[in-house]
């Protein structure tokens, strides 16, 4: 008997394409300075809320029902893009990201609610505080910055309305990951 098919899944919030285009224009000068970075393609940029990983395909109905339930418990929110940050730190960069201004804390609540809702289905809890961020680039080895941590100006990028979350399937290949939106779930709580 063969093992059941498995699919790589994650739940994320999307950022409008026009805001991503504006951000990309601000980030462009950094590409020449940080040449050893693997820059995330615009079509792959999103706010990850819960990484599910390799999931049995026959659990897809339970996963979508869980996403719908969590989304229904949150109201839409206005978000904005802020300054650059890095993991694990600004002096030892493995991941370069832009922060998210979320004054109502909706992203952290969504991440926490998804974490708790998926535990009974066998998905491990994240175990650390959620930091809302949009990954821009990754580095194989942590890089030291000789000229200080970079900055960009996001003040001209308008805030946007977060109205839902999306369940994505990740297709891995030697050329990099490709993300396929499986289903979207509106935030409906008033």
Protein backbone atom coordinates (compact mmCIF):
# COMPACT_ATOMS: atom_id res chain seq x y z
CA UNK A 1 0.00 0.00 0.00
CA UNK A 2 1.44 3.39 -0.99
CA UNK A 3 1.68 6.36 1.35
CA UNK A 4 -0.99 9.03 0.97
CA UNK A 5 -0.15 12.02 -1.21
CA UNK A 6 1.32 14.93 0.74
CA UNK A 7 1.20 18.61 -0.12
CA UNK A 8 3.14 21.56 1.37
CA UNK A 9 0.75 24.16 2.75
CA UNK A 10 0.84 27.51 4.52
CA UNK A 11 -1.65 30.24 5.40
CA UNK A 12 -0.84 33.85 4.57
CA UNK A 13 -2.21 37.34 4.12
CA UNK A 14 -1.71 38.99 0.77
CA UNK A 15 -0.43 42.49 0.15
CA UNK A 16 -1.94 44.36 -2.83
CA UNK A 17 0.23 44.18 -5.96
CA UNK A 18 0.47 47.95 -6.33
CA UNK A 19 1.93 48.24 -2.79
CA UNK A 20 4.42 45.47 -3.58
CA UNK A 21 5.43 47.31 -6.77
CA UNK A 22 5.99 50.53 -4.78
CA UNK A 23 8.01 48.65 -2.18
CA UNK A 24 10.07 46.98 -4.91
CA UNK A 25 11.00 50.39 -6.31
CA UNK A 26 12.22 51.46 -2.84
CA UNK A 27 14.22 48.24 -2.40
CA UNK A 28 15.81 48.29 -5.87
CA UNK A 29 18.96 50.25 -4.84
CA UNK A 30 19.69 47.61 -2.18
CA UNK A 31 19.92 44.83 -4.78
CA UNK A 32 23.20 46.22 -6.12
CA UNK A 33 24.64 46.51 -2.60
CA UNK A 34 23.49 43.10 -1.34
CA UNK A 35 24.54 40.95 -4.29
CA UNK A 36 24.77 37.70 -2.31
CA UNK A 37 21.06 37.83 -1.43
CA UNK A 38 18.36 35.57 -2.85
CA UNK A 39 15.61 38.14 -3.43
CA UNK A 40 12.01 36.96 -3.11
CA UNK A 41 10.10 37.40 -6.37
CA UNK A 42 7.12 39.77 -6.06
CA UNK A 43 4.66 36.98 -6.82
CA UNK A 44 5.98 35.05 -3.79
CA UNK A 45 5.74 37.93 -1.31
CA UNK A 46 3.08 37.53 1.39
CA UNK A 47 2.65 37.69 5.17
CA UNK A 48 2.96 34.11 6.43
CA UNK A 49 0.59 33.46 9.34
CA UNK A 50 0.95 29.69 9.76
CA UNK A 51 3.29 27.24 8.06
CA UNK A 52 1.69 23.80 7.92
CA UNK A 53 4.37 22.05 5.88
CA UNK A 54 3.95 18.58 4.43
CA UNK A 55 0.28 17.71 4.91
CA UNK A 56 -1.67 14.59 3.88
CA UNK A 57 -3.82 15.63 0.90
CA UNK A 58 -6.86 13.96 2.49
CA UNK A 59 -6.70 16.59 5.28
CA UNK A 60 -7.34 19.45 2.86
CA UNK A 61 -11.05 19.74 3.78
CA UNK A 62 -10.22 19.99 7.50
CA UNK A 63 -7.49 22.56 6.76
CA UNK A 64 -9.81 24.75 4.68
CA UNK A 65 -12.57 24.52 7.31
CA UNK A 66 -10.10 25.59 9.99
CA UNK A 67 -8.93 28.56 7.91
CA UNK A 68 -12.53 29.63 7.27
CA UNK A 69 -13.40 29.41 10.98
CA UNK A 70 -10.39 31.48 12.06
CA UNK A 71 -10.93 34.12 9.35
CA UNK A 72 -14.60 34.49 10.29
CA UNK A 73 -13.53 35.49 13.82
CA UNK A 74 -11.53 38.56 12.73
CA UNK A 75 -12.54 41.89 11.25
CA UNK A 76 -10.71 43.52 8.32
CA UNK A 77 -7.86 45.85 9.26
CA UNK A 78 -5.77 48.68 7.80
CA UNK A 79 -2.08 47.80 7.58
CA UNK A 80 1.01 49.61 6.45
CA UNK A 81 4.61 48.87 5.54
CA UNK A 82 7.33 50.16 7.88
CA UNK A 83 11.13 49.98 8.11
CA UNK A 84 13.56 47.21 7.28
CA UNK A 85 14.41 44.55 9.84
CA UNK A 86 16.40 41.33 9.92
CA UNK A 87 16.48 37.87 11.46
CA UNK A 88 18.23 36.88 13.63
CA UNK A 89 19.43 40.49 14.11
CA UNK A 90 20.43 43.65 12.27
CA UNK A 91 24.09 42.81 12.85
CA UNK A 92 23.84 39.19 11.68
CA UNK A 93 21.43 39.06 8.74
CA UNK A 94 20.02 35.79 7.40
CA UNK A 95 16.64 37.22 6.40
CA UNK A 96 15.97 40.82 5.35
CA UNK A 97 12.38 41.96 5.77
CA UNK A 98 10.10 44.97 5.91
CA UNK A 99 7.92 45.36 8.97
CA UNK A 100 4.15 45.71 9.06
CA UNK A 101 2.30 48.44 10.94
CA UNK A 102 -0.72 46.66 12.43
CA UNK A 103 -2.02 48.95 15.19
CA UNK A 104 -4.96 46.67 16.01
CA UNK A 105 -2.79 43.54 16.24
CA UNK A 106 -4.98 41.57 13.81
CA UNK A 107 -2.04 39.69 12.25
CA UNK A 108 -0.77 38.49 15.63
CA UNK A 109 -4.31 37.43 16.59
CA UNK A 110 -4.75 35.57 13.30
CA UNK A 111 -1.40 33.82 13.71
CA UNK A 112 -2.21 32.85 17.30
CA UNK A 113 -5.73 31.70 16.44
CA UNK A 114 -4.43 29.62 13.51
CA UNK A 115 -1.74 28.12 15.73
CA UNK A 116 -4.30 27.04 18.35
CA UNK A 117 -6.90 25.88 15.80
CA UNK A 118 -4.44 23.66 13.93
CA UNK A 119 -2.99 21.95 17.04
CA UNK A 120 -5.89 19.45 17.37
CA UNK A 121 -5.27 18.49 13.72
CA UNK A 122 -1.69 17.49 14.61
CA UNK A 123 0.19 20.62 13.52
CA UNK A 124 2.85 21.78 15.96
CA UNK A 125 2.46 25.11 17.69
CA UNK A 126 4.87 27.83 16.58
CA UNK A 127 6.21 28.29 20.10
CA UNK A 128 7.43 31.88 19.61
CA UNK A 129 5.86 35.29 19.37
CA UNK A 130 4.62 36.29 15.93
CA UNK A 131 6.56 39.11 14.22
CA UNK A 132 4.54 40.47 11.28
CA UNK A 133 6.99 40.91 8.40
CA UNK A 134 7.34 40.60 4.65
CA UNK A 135 10.47 38.66 3.63
CA UNK A 136 12.45 40.49 0.94
CA UNK A 137 15.68 38.49 0.77
CA UNK A 138 17.55 35.54 2.30
CA UNK A 139 21.25 34.91 2.73
CA UNK A 140 22.91 31.47 2.86
CA UNK A 141 25.36 32.72 5.47
CA UNK A 142 24.75 35.57 7.90
CA UNK A 143 26.20 38.74 6.43
CA UNK A 144 28.01 41.49 8.30
CA UNK A 145 27.23 45.01 7.12
CA UNK A 146 30.30 47.23 6.78
CA UNK A 147 28.33 50.40 6.08
CA UNK A 148 25.55 49.95 8.64
CA UNK A 149 22.05 48.58 8.37
CA UNK A 150 20.21 49.80 5.24
CA UNK A 151 17.00 51.79 5.28
CA UNK A 152 14.22 52.54 2.82
CA UNK A 153 11.46 55.13 2.77
CA UNK A 154 8.01 53.54 2.94
CA UNK A 155 6.21 56.79 3.84
CA UNK A 156 4.88 57.16 0.28
CA UNK A 157 3.31 53.69 0.25
CA UNK A 158 -0.35 53.93 1.23
CA UNK A 159 -1.84 51.73 3.90
CA UNK A 160 -3.98 48.86 2.63
CA UNK A 161 -7.01 46.92 3.77
CA UNK A 162 -6.50 43.33 4.91
CA UNK A 163 -9.79 41.65 4.05
CA UNK A 164 -8.91 37.96 4.12
CA UNK A 165 -6.38 35.17 4.40
CA UNK A 166 -5.28 32.66 1.78
CA UNK A 167 -4.32 28.99 1.92
CA UNK A 168 -1.33 28.36 -0.34
CA UNK A 169 0.29 25.23 -1.70
CA UNK A 170 4.05 25.41 -2.14
CA UNK A 171 5.59 23.66 -5.15
CA UNK A 172 9.34 23.20 -4.68
CA UNK A 173 11.78 22.91 -7.57
CA UNK A 174 15.46 23.57 -8.25
CA UNK A 175 14.39 26.97 -9.69
CA UNK A 176 12.79 27.91 -6.36
CA UNK A 177 9.35 27.73 -4.82
CA UNK A 178 6.13 28.51 -6.67
CA UNK A 179 3.05 29.29 -4.59
CA UNK A 180 -0.44 28.31 -5.67
CA UNK A 181 -3.45 29.88 -3.96
CA UNK A 182 -5.85 27.05 -3.07
CA UNK A 183 -8.61 29.02 -1.34
CA UNK A 184 -9.28 32.45 0.17
CA UNK A 185 -11.20 33.20 3.36
CA UNK A 186 -12.73 36.62 4.12
CA UNK A 187 -12.33 38.32 7.49
CA UNK A 188 -15.95 38.88 8.49
CA UNK A 189 -16.26 39.60 12.22
CA UNK A 190 -17.66 43.06 12.96
